[in-house]
Every structure is written in C-alpha cells, then in structure tokens.
Amino acid sequence: MKKSFYHIIKGTFLVSDDAFKNWRFIIFLSVLALVMIASSHQADKKVHEIANLNNEVKELKSEYVDVRMQLMRAKMETRIINAMESRGLFPSEIPPQKIIIKKGTK
C-alpha cells in the first residue's frame, strides 16, 4: 500500500513500461471532464435563457392587462359622450325605432 502510494505520488506509473495504457486512461478521463464541463456550461446558458424568457412573458402579460384596461376605459359610454361633445355631437334624445321590411312587396 505504501509503495503504490509512493509510485502514484512520484508518477512512476506514467514512465514505466506499461505506461501507454495509463496514458490512454488519463487522456480519456481528461476528455470526459472537458465534455462534462462544456455540457454544464450549456445547461447554465439554457437556464439563464429560460429565466430571461419568463421575465419577458411576465412583462408582456402585464402590458396586455394594462392596454386592455385602457381600452375598456376608452369604450365607456360617458367617455365617448364627452369626447363627442367637444366635436359638437350629442346623444340623441329620441329613442331609436325599428324598421321592418316586409318581403314580397315591390
């Protein structure tokens, strides 16, 4: 146990006769570590993008509610009457009458 620990610390396993398989394993582990780092960076990037899109959705929803509220206020009868009075138009005091057209008469 003590000798194998010293061999690892001194690095003799990298320069011994059968070191080629050790180097292959080390290179494999290095490539695997690089792939894991790259995938974690991409996952973080996606998380940030999703958070930004969620914030944008919230802003657009609040803007939609605000514009809808402004539209409802603009469509109120009293506002329309006030806007038309400034142009000289007033609501009719005579109620509307229904016009009936009989078919078959020329």
PDB file of N, CA and C in Angstrom:
ATOM      1  N   MET A   1       0.827  -1.191   0.000  1.00  0.00           N
ATOM      2  CA  MET A   1       0.000   0.000   0.000  1.00  0.00           C
ATOM      3  C   MET A   1       0.869   1.252   0.000  1.00  0.00           C
ATOM      4  N   LYS A   2       1.894   1.249   0.833  1.00  0.00           N
ATOM      5  CA  LYS A   2       2.767   2.394   0.940  1.00  0.00           C
ATOM      6  C   LYS A   2       3.549   2.595  -0.354  1.00  0.00           C
ATOM      7  N   LYS A   3       3.999   1.471  -0.974  1.00  0.00           N
ATOM      8  CA  LYS A   3       4.767   1.577  -2.214  1.00  0.00           C
ATOM      9  C   LYS A   3       3.897   2.080  -3.361  1.00  0.00           C
ATOM     10  N   SER A   4       2.664   1.593  -3.455  1.00  0.00           N
ATOM     11  CA  SER A   4       1.790   2.040  -4.541  1.00  0.00           C
ATOM     12  C   SER A   4       1.454   3.529  -4.378  1.00  0.00           C
ATOM     13  N   PHE A   5       1.324   3.991  -3.163  1.00  0.00           N
ATOM     14  CA  PHE A   5       1.076   5.406  -2.925  1.00  0.00           C
ATOM     15  C   PHE A   5       2.272   6.240  -3.381  1.00  0.00           C
ATOM     16  N   TYR A   6       3.494   5.782  -3.057  1.00  0.00           N
ATOM     17  CA  TYR A   6       4.699   6.493  -3.497  1.00  0.00           C
ATOM     18  C   TYR A   6       4.839   6.463  -5.012  1.00  0.00           C
ATOM     19  N   HIS A   7       4.444   5.353  -5.645  1.00  0.00           N
ATOM     20  CA  HIS A   7       4.502   5.273  -7.111  1.00  0.00           C
ATOM     21  C   HIS A   7       3.550   6.291  -7.744  1.00  0.00           C
ATOM     22  N   ILE A   8       2.391   6.462  -7.146  1.00  0.00           N
ATOM     23  CA  ILE A   8       1.422   7.436  -7.677  1.00  0.00           C
ATOM     24  C   ILE A   8       1.943   8.849  -7.463  1.00  0.00           C
ATOM     25  N   ILE A   9       2.477   9.136  -6.291  1.00  0.00           N
ATOM     26  CA  ILE A   9       2.974  10.474  -5.982  1.00  0.00           C
ATOM     27  C   ILE A   9       4.176  10.817  -6.870  1.00  0.00           C
ATOM     28  N   LYS A  10       5.093   9.885  -7.041  1.00  0.00           N
ATOM     29  CA  LYS A  10       6.281  10.147  -7.854  1.00  0.00           C
ATOM     30  C   LYS A  10       5.972  10.146  -9.343  1.00  0.00           C
ATOM     31  N   GLY A  11       4.855   9.524  -9.739  1.00  0.00           N
ATOM     32  CA  GLY A  11       4.500   9.475 -11.155  1.00  0.00           C
ATOM     33  C   GLY A  11       5.216   8.391 -11.921  1.00  0.00           C
ATOM     34  N   THR A  12       5.744   7.385 -11.257  1.00  0.00           N
ATOM     35  CA  THR A  12       6.452   6.310 -11.965  1.00  0.00           C
ATOM     36  C   THR A  12       5.507   5.480 -12.820  1.00  0.00           C
ATOM     37  N   PHE A  13       4.207   5.511 -12.521  1.00  0.00           N
ATOM     38  CA  PHE A  13       3.255   4.755 -13.343  1.00  0.00           C
ATOM     39  C   PHE A  13       3.103   5.374 -14.732  1.00  0.00           C
ATOM     40  N   LEU A  14       3.578   6.617 -14.897  1.00  0.00           N
ATOM     41  CA  LEU A  14       3.485   7.280 -16.195  1.00  0.00           C
ATOM     42  C   LEU A  14       4.698   7.015 -17.089  1.00  0.00           C
ATOM     43  N   VAL A  15       5.779   6.590 -16.497  1.00  0.00           N
ATOM     44  CA  VAL A  15       7.003   6.375 -17.292  1.00  0.00           C
ATOM     45  C   VAL A  15       7.437   4.916 -17.290  1.00  0.00           C
ATOM     46  N   SER A  16       6.671   4.036 -16.704  1.00  0.00           N
ATOM     47  CA  SER A  16       7.050   2.622 -16.684  1.00  0.00           C
ATOM     48  C   SER A  16       6.816   1.991 -18.052  1.00  0.00           C
ATOM     49  N   ASP A  17       7.107   0.713 -18.176  1.00  0.00           N
ATOM     50  CA  ASP A  17       6.988   0.023 -19.458  1.00  0.00           C
ATOM     51  C   ASP A  17       5.549  -0.069 -19.953  1.00  0.00           C
ATOM     52  N   ASP A  18       4.632  -0.283 -19.069  1.00  0.00           N
ATOM     53  CA  ASP A  18       3.225  -0.396 -19.476  1.00  0.00           C
ATOM     54  C   ASP A  18       2.463   0.922 -19.242  1.00  0.00           C
ATOM     55  N   ALA A  19       3.145   2.023 -19.408  1.00  0.00           N
ATOM     56  CA  ALA A  19       2.558   3.345 -19.153  1.00  0.00           C
ATOM     57  C   ALA A  19       1.581   3.763 -20.235  1.00  0.00           C
ATOM     58  N   PHE A  20       1.651   3.134 -21.431  1.00  0.00           N
ATOM     59  CA  PHE A  20       0.789   3.542 -22.532  1.00  0.00           C
ATOM     60  C   PHE A  20      -0.685   3.399 -22.165  1.00  0.00           C
ATOM     61  N   LYS A  21      -1.077   2.293 -21.517  1.00  0.00           N
ATOM     62  CA  LYS A  21      -2.480   2.132 -21.143  1.00  0.00           C
ATOM     63  C   LYS A  21      -2.865   3.123 -20.048  1.00  0.00           C
ATOM     64  N   ASN A  22      -1.930   3.484 -19.193  1.00  0.00           N
ATOM     65  CA  ASN A  22      -2.216   4.505 -18.181  1.00  0.00           C
ATOM     66  C   ASN A  22      -2.454   5.864 -18.836  1.00  0.00           C
ATOM     67  N   TRP A  23      -1.628   6.205 -19.827  1.00  0.00           N
ATOM     68  CA  TRP A  23      -1.792   7.473 -20.538  1.00  0.00           C
ATOM     69  C   TRP A  23      -3.124   7.502 -21.282  1.00  0.00           C
ATOM     70  N   ARG A  24      -3.504   6.395 -21.895  1.00  0.00           N
ATOM     71  CA  ARG A  24      -4.793   6.347 -22.597  1.00  0.00           C
ATOM     72  C   ARG A  24      -5.938   6.621 -21.625  1.00  0.00           C
ATOM     73  N   PHE A  25      -5.862   6.012 -20.453  1.00  0.00           N
ATOM     74  CA  PHE A  25      -6.913   6.205 -19.453  1.00  0.00           C
ATOM     75  C   PHE A  25      -6.943   7.657 -18.961  1.00  0.00           C
ATOM     76  N   ILE A  26      -5.781   8.255 -18.756  1.00  0.00           N
ATOM     77  CA  ILE A  26      -5.710   9.654 -18.307  1.00  0.00           C
ATOM     78  C   ILE A  26      -6.265  10.586 -19.375  1.00  0.00           C
ATOM     79  N   ILE A  27      -5.925  10.335 -20.631  1.00  0.00           N
ATOM     80  CA  ILE A  27      -6.449  11.164 -21.731  1.00  0.00           C
ATOM     81  C   ILE A  27      -7.961  11.002 -21.826  1.00  0.00           C
ATOM     82  N   PHE A  28      -8.429   9.753 -21.679  1.00  0.00           N
ATOM     83  CA  PHE A  28      -9.879   9.513 -21.696  1.00  0.00           C
ATOM     84  C   PHE A  28     -10.576  10.287 -20.582  1.00  0.00           C
ATOM     85  N   LEU A  29     -10.033  10.250 -19.387  1.00  0.00           N
ATOM     86  CA  LEU A  29     -10.625  10.996 -18.261  1.00  0.00           C
ATOM     87  C   LEU A  29     -10.600  12.501 -18.510  1.00  0.00           C
ATOM     88  N   SER A  30      -9.517  12.992 -19.119  1.00  0.00           N
ATOM     89  CA  SER A  30      -9.417  14.431 -19.416  1.00  0.00           C
ATOM     90  C   SER A  30     -10.478  14.848 -20.424  1.00  0.00           C
ATOM     91  N   VAL A  31     -10.653  14.051 -21.476  1.00  0.00           N
ATOM     92  CA  VAL A  31     -11.662  14.371 -22.490  1.00  0.00           C
ATOM     93  C   VAL A  31     -13.056  14.303 -21.878  1.00  0.00           C
ATOM     94  N   LEU A  32     -13.279  13.302 -21.051  1.00  0.00           N
ATOM     95  CA  LEU A  32     -14.568  13.173 -20.382  1.00  0.00           C
ATOM     96  C   LEU A  32     -14.851  14.380 -19.484  1.00  0.00           C
ATOM     97  N   ALA A  33     -13.841  14.847 -18.776  1.00  0.00           N
ATOM     98  CA  ALA A  33     -14.000  16.033 -17.917  1.00  0.00           C
ATOM     99  C   ALA A  33     -14.322  17.268 -18.758  1.00  0.00           C
ATOM    100  N   LEU A  34     -13.654  17.419 -19.912  1.00  0.00           N
ATOM    101  CA  LEU A  34     -13.940  18.561 -20.783  1.00  0.00           C
ATOM    102  C   LEU A  34     -15.367  18.510 -21.315  1.00  0.00           C
ATOM    103  N   VAL A  35     -15.835  17.337 -21.681  1.00  0.00           N
ATOM    104  CA  VAL A  35     -17.208  17.195 -22.175  1.00  0.00           C
ATOM    105  C   VAL A  35     -18.205  17.541 -21.070  1.00  0.00           C
ATOM    106  N   MET A  36     -17.941  17.088 -19.858  1.00  0.00           N
ATOM    107  CA  MET A  36     -18.838  17.399 -18.741  1.00  0.00           C
ATOM    108  C   MET A  36     -18.871  18.898 -18.450  1.00  0.00           C
ATOM    109  N   ILE A  37     -17.726  19.550 -18.501  1.00  0.00           N
ATOM    110  CA  ILE A  37     -17.667  20.992 -18.264  1.00  0.00           C
ATOM    111  C   ILE A  37     -18.444  21.734 -19.341  1.00  0.00           C
ATOM    112  N   ALA A  38     -18.255  21.338 -20.596  1.00  0.00           N
ATOM    113  CA  ALA A  38     -18.955  22.002 -21.698  1.00  0.00           C
ATOM    114  C   ALA A  38     -20.463  21.813 -21.576  1.00  0.00           C
ATOM    115  N   SER A  39     -20.908  20.612 -21.224  1.00  0.00           N
ATOM    116  CA  SER A  39     -22.350  20.378 -21.111  1.00  0.00           C
ATOM    117  C   SER A  39     -22.946  21.148 -19.941  1.00  0.00           C
ATOM    118  N   SER A  40     -22.204  21.280 -18.843  1.00  0.00           N
ATOM    119  CA  SER A  40     -22.733  22.056 -17.719  1.00  0.00           C
ATOM    120  C   SER A  40     -22.823  23.540 -18.064  1.00  0.00           C
ATOM    121  N   HIS A  41     -21.871  24.039 -18.856  1.00  0.00           N
ATOM    122  CA  HIS A  41     -21.939  25.442 -19.291  1.00  0.00           C
ATOM    123  C   HIS A  41     -23.152  25.663 -20.194  1.00  0.00           C
ATOM    124  N   GLN A  42     -23.402  24.711 -21.085  1.00  0.00           N
ATOM    125  CA  GLN A  42     -24.563  24.856 -21.959  1.00  0.00           C
ATOM    126  C   GLN A  42     -25.856  24.777 -21.163  1.00  0.00           C
ATOM    127  N   ALA A  43     -25.913  23.906 -20.164  1.00  0.00           N
ATOM    128  CA  ALA A  43     -27.114  23.816 -19.329  1.00  0.00           C
ATOM    129  C   ALA A  43     -27.338  25.123 -18.569  1.00  0.00           C
ATOM    130  N   ASP A  44     -26.280  25.711 -18.034  1.00  0.00           N
ATOM    131  CA  ASP A  44     -26.404  27.008 -17.349  1.00  0.00           C
ATOM    132  C   ASP A  44     -26.895  28.085 -18.305  1.00  0.00           C
ATOM    133  N   LYS A  45     -26.387  28.056 -19.520  1.00  0.00           N
ATOM    134  CA  LYS A  45     -26.796  29.034 -20.529  1.00  0.00           C
ATOM    135  C   LYS A  45     -28.289  28.901 -20.819  1.00  0.00           C
ATOM    136  N   LYS A  46     -28.768  27.667 -20.929  1.00  0.00           N
ATOM    137  CA  LYS A  46     -30.189  27.437 -21.183  1.00  0.00           C
ATOM    138  C   LYS A  46     -31.038  27.906 -20.001  1.00  0.00           C
ATOM    139  N   VAL A  47     -30.567  27.678 -18.787  1.00  0.00           N
ATOM    140  CA  VAL A  47     -31.311  28.112 -17.598  1.00  0.00           C
ATOM    141  C   VAL A  47     -31.450  29.634 -17.586  1.00  0.00           C
ATOM    142  N   HIS A  48     -30.375  30.333 -17.913  1.00  0.00           N
ATOM    143  CA  HIS A  48     -30.434  31.801 -17.957  1.00  0.00           C
ATOM    144  C   HIS A  48     -31.372  32.271 -19.067  1.00  0.00           C
ATOM    145  N   GLU A  49     -31.326  31.609 -20.202  1.00  0.00           N
ATOM    146  CA  GLU A  49     -32.200  31.988 -21.314  1.00  0.00           C
ATOM    147  C   GLU A  49     -33.669  31.773 -20.939  1.00  0.00           C
ATOM    148  N   ILE A  50     -33.964  30.669 -20.268  1.00  0.00           N
ATOM    149  CA  ILE A  50     -35.339  30.393 -19.842  1.00  0.00           C
ATOM    150  C   ILE A  50     -35.800  31.433 -18.823  1.00  0.00           C
ATOM    151  N   ALA A  51     -34.923  31.811 -17.905  1.00  0.00           N
ATOM    152  CA  ALA A  51     -35.283  32.835 -16.912  1.00  0.00           C
ATOM    153  C   ALA A  51     -35.576  34.175 -17.593  1.00  0.00           C
ATOM    154  N   ASN A  52     -34.750  34.543 -18.575  1.00  0.00           N
ATOM    155  CA  ASN A  52     -34.983  35.795 -19.299  1.00  0.00           C
ATOM    156  C   ASN A  52     -36.309  35.751 -20.059  1.00  0.00           C
ATOM    157  N   LEU A  53     -36.611  34.605 -20.690  1.00  0.00           N
ATOM    158  CA  LEU A  53     -37.870  34.492 -21.423  1.00  0.00           C
ATOM    159  C   LEU A  53     -39.067  34.535 -20.476  1.00  0.00           C
ATOM    160  N   ASN A  54     -38.949  33.937 -19.303  1.00  0.00           N
ATOM    161  CA  ASN A  54     -40.039  34.005 -18.321  1.00  0.00           C
ATOM    162  C   ASN A  54     -40.276  35.437 -17.866  1.00  0.00           C
ATOM    163  N   ASN A  55     -39.206  36.196 -17.666  1.00  0.00           N
ATOM    164  CA  ASN A  55     -39.359  37.609 -17.290  1.00  0.00           C
ATOM    165  C   ASN A  55     -40.044  38.394 -18.406  1.00  0.00           C
ATOM    166  N   GLU A  56     -39.658  38.106 -19.643  1.00  0.00           N
ATOM    167  CA  GLU A  56     -40.267  38.801 -20.780  1.00  0.00           C
ATOM    168  C   GLU A  56     -41.757  38.466 -20.879  1.00  0.00           C
ATOM    169  N   VAL A  57     -42.114  37.203 -20.630  1.00  0.00           N
ATOM    170  CA  VAL A  57     -43.524  36.803 -20.657  1.00  0.00           C
ATOM    171  C   VAL A  57     -44.308  37.550 -19.582  1.00  0.00           C
ATOM    172  N   LYS A  58     -43.741  37.664 -18.389  1.00  0.00           N
ATOM    173  CA  LYS A  58     -44.417  38.388 -17.308  1.00  0.00           C
ATOM    174  C   LYS A  58     -44.631  39.851 -17.681  1.00  0.00           C
ATOM    175  N   GLU A  59     -43.614  40.473 -18.283  1.00  0.00           N
ATOM    176  CA  GLU A  59     -43.741  41.872 -18.697  1.00  0.00           C
ATOM    177  C   GLU A  59     -44.816  42.028 -19.766  1.00  0.00           C
ATOM    178  N   LEU A  60     -44.839  41.110 -20.734  1.00  0.00           N
ATOM    179  CA  LEU A  60     -45.838  41.202 -21.799  1.00  0.00           C
ATOM    180  C   LEU A  60     -47.251  40.971 -21.265  1.00  0.00           C
ATOM    181  N   LYS A  61     -47.409  40.075 -20.293  1.00  0.00           N
ATOM    182  CA  LYS A  61     -48.724  39.857 -19.699  1.00  0.00           C
ATOM    183  C   LYS A  61     -49.202  41.104 -18.977  1.00  0.00           C
ATOM    184  N   SER A  62     -48.311  41.748 -18.227  1.00  0.00           N
ATOM    185  CA  SER A  62     -48.722  42.956 -17.506  1.00  0.00           C
ATOM    186  C   SER A  62     -49.032  44.089 -18.487  1.00  0.00           C
ATOM    187  N   GLU A  63     -48.285  44.168 -19.577  1.00  0.00           N
ATOM    188  CA  GLU A  63     -48.566  45.180 -20.601  1.00  0.00           C
ATOM    189  C   GLU A  63     -49.922  44.913 -21.245  1.00  0.00           C
ATOM    190  N   TYR A  64     -50.228  43.632 -21.497  1.00  0.00           N
ATOM    191  CA  TYR A  64     -51.509  43.268 -22.084  1.00  0.00           C
ATOM    192  C   TYR A  64     -52.659  43.683 -21.167  1.00  0.00           C
ATOM    193  N   VAL A  65     -52.522  43.410 -19.872  1.00  0.00           N
ATOM    194  CA  VAL A  65     -53.568  43.769 -18.913  1.00  0.00           C
ATOM    195  C   VAL A  65     -53.748  45.281 -18.877  1.00  0.00           C
ATOM    196  N   ASP A  66     -52.648  46.027 -18.911  1.00  0.00           N
ATOM    197  CA  ASP A  66     -52.711  47.485 -18.870  1.00  0.00           C
ATOM    198  C   ASP A  66     -53.407  48.037 -20.116  1.00  0.00           C
ATOM    199  N   VAL A  67     -53.044  47.526 -21.282  1.00  0.00           N
ATOM    200  CA  VAL A  67     -53.649  48.013 -22.531  1.00  0.00           C
ATOM    201  C   VAL A  67     -55.128  47.641 -22.577  1.00  0.00           C
ATOM    202  N   ARG A  68     -55.474  46.450 -22.111  1.00  0.00           N
ATOM    203  CA  ARG A  68     -56.876  46.031 -22.091  1.00  0.00           C
ATOM    204  C   ARG A  68     -57.684  46.939 -21.165  1.00  0.00           C
ATOM    205  N   MET A  69     -57.106  47.326 -20.023  1.00  0.00           N
ATOM    206  CA  MET A  69     -57.791  48.218 -19.092  1.00  0.00           C
ATOM    207  C   MET A  69     -57.988  49.605 -19.726  1.00  0.00           C
ATOM    208  N   GLN A  70     -56.981  50.092 -20.439  1.00  0.00           N
ATOM    209  CA  GLN A  70     -57.114  51.383 -21.116  1.00  0.00           C
ATOM    210  C   GLN A  70     -58.206  51.323 -22.184  1.00  0.00           C
ATOM    211  N   LEU A  71     -58.283  50.207 -22.900  1.00  0.00           N
ATOM    212  CA  LEU A  71     -59.313  50.043 -23.923  1.00  0.00           C
ATOM    213  C   LEU A  71     -60.699  50.028 -23.297  1.00  0.00           C
ATOM    214  N   MET A  72     -60.847  49.338 -22.177  1.00  0.00           N
ATOM    215  CA  MET A  72     -62.148  49.292 -21.510  1.00  0.00           C
ATOM    216  C   MET A  72     -62.562  50.694 -21.053  1.00  0.00           C
ATOM    217  N   ARG A  73     -61.611  51.467 -20.566  1.00  0.00           N
ATOM    218  CA  ARG A  73     -61.925  52.845 -20.157  1.00  0.00           C
ATOM    219  C   ARG A  73     -62.317  53.688 -21.371  1.00  0.00           C
ATOM    220  N   ALA A  74     -61.612  53.491 -22.487  1.00  0.00           N
ATOM    221  CA  ALA A  74     -61.893  54.288 -23.678  1.00  0.00           C
ATOM    222  C   ALA A  74     -63.266  53.941 -24.268  1.00  0.00           C
ATOM    223  N   LYS A  75     -63.748  52.737 -24.074  1.00  0.00           N
ATOM    224  CA  LYS A  75     -65.021  52.309 -24.635  1.00  0.00           C
ATOM    225  C   LYS A  75     -66.210  52.668 -23.758  1.00  0.00           C
ATOM    226  N   MET A  76     -65.954  53.241 -22.592  1.00  0.00           N
ATOM    227  CA  MET A  76     -67.063  53.600 -21.698  1.00  0.00           C
ATOM    228  C   MET A  76     -67.931  54.672 -22.360  1.00  0.00           C
ATOM    229  N   GLU A  77     -69.238  54.530 -22.176  1.00  0.00           N
ATOM    230  CA  GLU A  77     -70.191  55.425 -22.839  1.00  0.00           C
ATOM    231  C   GLU A  77     -69.984  56.887 -22.426  1.00  0.00           C
ATOM    232  N   THR A  78     -69.696  57.120 -21.151  1.00  0.00           N
ATOM    233  CA  THR A  78     -69.520  58.500 -20.702  1.00  0.00           C
ATOM    234  C   THR A  78     -68.304  59.143 -21.359  1.00  0.00           C
ATOM    235  N   ARG A  79     -67.248  58.393 -21.527  1.00  0.00           N
ATOM    236  CA  ARG A  79     -66.056  58.956 -22.184  1.00  0.00           C
ATOM    237  C   ARG A  79     -66.331  59.269 -23.650  1.00  0.00           C
ATOM    238  N   ILE A  80     -67.072  58.400 -24.303  1.00  0.00           N
ATOM    239  CA  ILE A  80     -67.398  58.642 -25.713  1.00  0.00           C
ATOM    240  C   ILE A  80     -68.278  59.872 -25.839  1.00  0.00           C
ATOM    241  N   ILE A  81     -69.261  59.989 -24.934  1.00  0.00           N
ATOM    242  CA  ILE A  81     -70.150  61.161 -24.969  1.00  0.00           C
ATOM    243  C   ILE A  81     -69.344  62.438 -24.747  1.00  0.00           C
ATOM    244  N   ASN A  82     -68.438  62.439 -23.776  1.00  0.00           N
ATOM    245  CA  ASN A  82     -67.613  63.630 -23.509  1.00  0.00           C
ATOM    246  C   ASN A  82     -66.723  63.959 -24.701  1.00  0.00           C
ATOM    247  N   ALA A  83     -66.163  62.959 -25.337  1.00  0.00           N
ATOM    248  CA  ALA A  83     -65.291  63.207 -26.491  1.00  0.00           C
ATOM    249  C   ALA A  83     -66.085  63.765 -27.665  1.00  0.00           C
ATOM    250  N   MET A  84     -67.291  63.291 -27.864  1.00  0.00           N
ATOM    251  CA  MET A  84     -68.104  63.764 -28.996  1.00  0.00           C
ATOM    252  C   MET A  84     -68.705  65.138 -28.729  1.00  0.00           C
ATOM    253  N   GLU A  85     -68.944  65.484 -27.456  1.00  0.00           N
ATOM    254  CA  GLU A  85     -69.465  66.817 -27.137  1.00  0.00           C
ATOM    255  C   GLU A  85     -68.471  67.894 -27.540  1.00  0.00           C
ATOM    256  N   SER A  86     -67.182  67.611 -27.399  1.00  0.00           N
ATOM    257  CA  SER A  86     -66.188  68.606 -27.799  1.00  0.00           C
ATOM    258  C   SER A  86     -66.182  68.799 -29.311  1.00  0.00           C
ATOM    259  N   ARG A  87     -66.706  67.859 -30.051  1.00  0.00           N
ATOM    260  CA  ARG A  87     -66.794  67.979 -31.523  1.00  0.00           C
ATOM    261  C   ARG A  87     -68.173  68.471 -31.969  1.00  0.00           C
ATOM    262  N   GLY A  88     -69.044  68.676 -31.008  1.00  0.00           N
ATOM    263  CA  GLY A  88     -70.360  69.203 -31.350  1.00  0.00           C
ATOM    264  C   GLY A  88     -71.408  68.122 -31.561  1.00  0.00           C
ATOM    265  N   LEU A  89     -71.125  66.892 -31.225  1.00  0.00           N
ATOM    266  CA  LEU A  89     -72.103  65.811 -31.366  1.00  0.00           C
ATOM    267  C   LEU A  89     -72.656  65.468 -29.987  1.00  0.00           C
ATOM    268  N   PHE A  90     -73.984  65.291 -29.934  1.00  0.00           N
ATOM    269  CA  PHE A  90     -74.627  64.984 -28.669  1.00  0.00           C
ATOM    270  C   PHE A  90     -75.462  63.720 -28.831  1.00  0.00           C
ATOM    271  N   PRO A  91     -75.700  62.996 -27.736  1.00  0.00           N
ATOM    272  CA  PRO A  91     -76.528  61.790 -27.861  1.00  0.00           C
ATOM    273  C   PRO A  91     -77.970  62.157 -28.222  1.00  0.00           C
ATOM    274  N   SER A  92     -78.603  61.276 -28.950  1.00  0.00           N
ATOM    275  CA  SER A  92     -79.978  61.512 -29.399  1.00  0.00           C
ATOM    276  C   SER A  92     -80.927  61.406 -28.217  1.00  0.00           C
ATOM    277  N   GLU A  93     -81.902  62.297 -28.185  1.00  0.00           N
ATOM    278  CA  GLU A  93     -82.912  62.247 -27.137  1.00  0.00           C
ATOM    279  C   GLU A  93     -84.111  61.432 -27.585  1.00  0.00           C
ATOM    280  N   ILE A  94     -84.215  61.187 -28.889  1.00  0.00           N
ATOM    281  CA  ILE A  94     -85.313  60.381 -29.430  1.00  0.00           C
ATOM    282  C   ILE A  94     -84.823  58.938 -29.489  1.00  0.00           C
ATOM    283  N   PRO A  95     -85.550  58.000 -28.898  1.00  0.00           N
ATOM    284  CA  PRO A  95     -85.105  56.609 -28.923  1.00  0.00           C
ATOM    285  C   PRO A  95     -85.142  56.044 -30.351  1.00  0.00           C
ATOM    286  N   PRO A  96     -84.317  55.092 -30.636  1.00  0.00           N
ATOM    287  CA  PRO A  96     -84.294  54.524 -31.985  1.00  0.00           C
ATOM    288  C   PRO A  96     -85.573  53.735 -32.266  1.00  0.00           C
ATOM    289  N   GLN A  97     -85.934  53.665 -33.544  1.00  0.00           N
ATOM    290  CA  GLN A  97     -87.134  52.925 -33.948  1.00  0.00           C
ATOM    291  C   GLN A  97     -86.700  51.774 -34.838  1.00  0.00           C
ATOM    292  N   LYS A  98     -87.424  50.690 -34.732  1.00  0.00           N
ATOM    293  CA  LYS A  98     -87.120  49.505 -35.514  1.00  0.00           C
ATOM    294  C   LYS A  98     -87.801  49.624 -36.867  1.00  0.00           C
ATOM    295  N   ILE A  99     -87.027  49.373 -37.912  1.00  0.00           N
ATOM    296  CA  ILE A  99     -87.562  49.426 -39.270  1.00  0.00           C
ATOM    297  C   ILE A  99     -87.842  47.993 -39.710  1.00  0.00           C
ATOM    298  N   ILE A 100     -89.076  47.738 -40.116  1.00  0.00           N
ATOM    299  CA  ILE A 100     -89.465  46.400 -40.534  1.00  0.00           C
ATOM    300  C   ILE A 100     -89.695  46.422 -42.039  1.00  0.00           C
ATOM    301  N   ILE A 101     -89.064  45.526 -42.751  1.00  0.00           N
ATOM    302  CA  ILE A 101     -89.216  45.416 -44.210  1.00  0.00           C
ATOM    303  C   ILE A 101     -89.953  44.115 -44.488  1.00  0.00           C
ATOM    304  N   LYS A 102     -91.067  44.208 -45.166  1.00  0.00           N
ATOM    305  CA  LYS A 102     -91.852  43.034 -45.479  1.00  0.00           C
ATOM    306  C   LYS A 102     -91.360  42.469 -46.809  1.00  0.00           C
ATOM    307  N   LYS A 103     -91.197  41.195 -46.856  1.00  0.00           N
ATOM    308  CA  LYS A 103     -90.750  40.537 -48.090  1.00  0.00           C
ATOM    309  C   LYS A 103     -91.940  40.355 -49.023  1.00  0.00           C
ATOM    310  N   GLY A 104     -91.653  40.439 -50.292  1.00  0.00           N
ATOM    311  CA  GLY A 104     -92.692  40.199 -51.285  1.00  0.00           C
ATOM    312  C   GLY A 104     -93.318  41.471 -51.804  1.00  0.00           C
ATOM    313  N   THR A 105     -93.102  42.581 -51.199  1.00  0.00           N
ATOM    314  CA  THR A 105     -93.667  43.818 -51.713  1.00  0.00           C
ATOM    315  C   THR A 105     -92.646  44.531 -52.555  1.00  0.00           C
ATOM    316  N   LYS A 106     -93.137  45.073 -53.654  1.00  0.00           N
ATOM    317  CA  LYS A 106     -92.225  45.761 -54.571  1.00  0.00           C
ATOM    318  C   LYS A 106     -92.559  47.209 -54.675  1.00  0.00           C
TER     319      LYS A 106
END
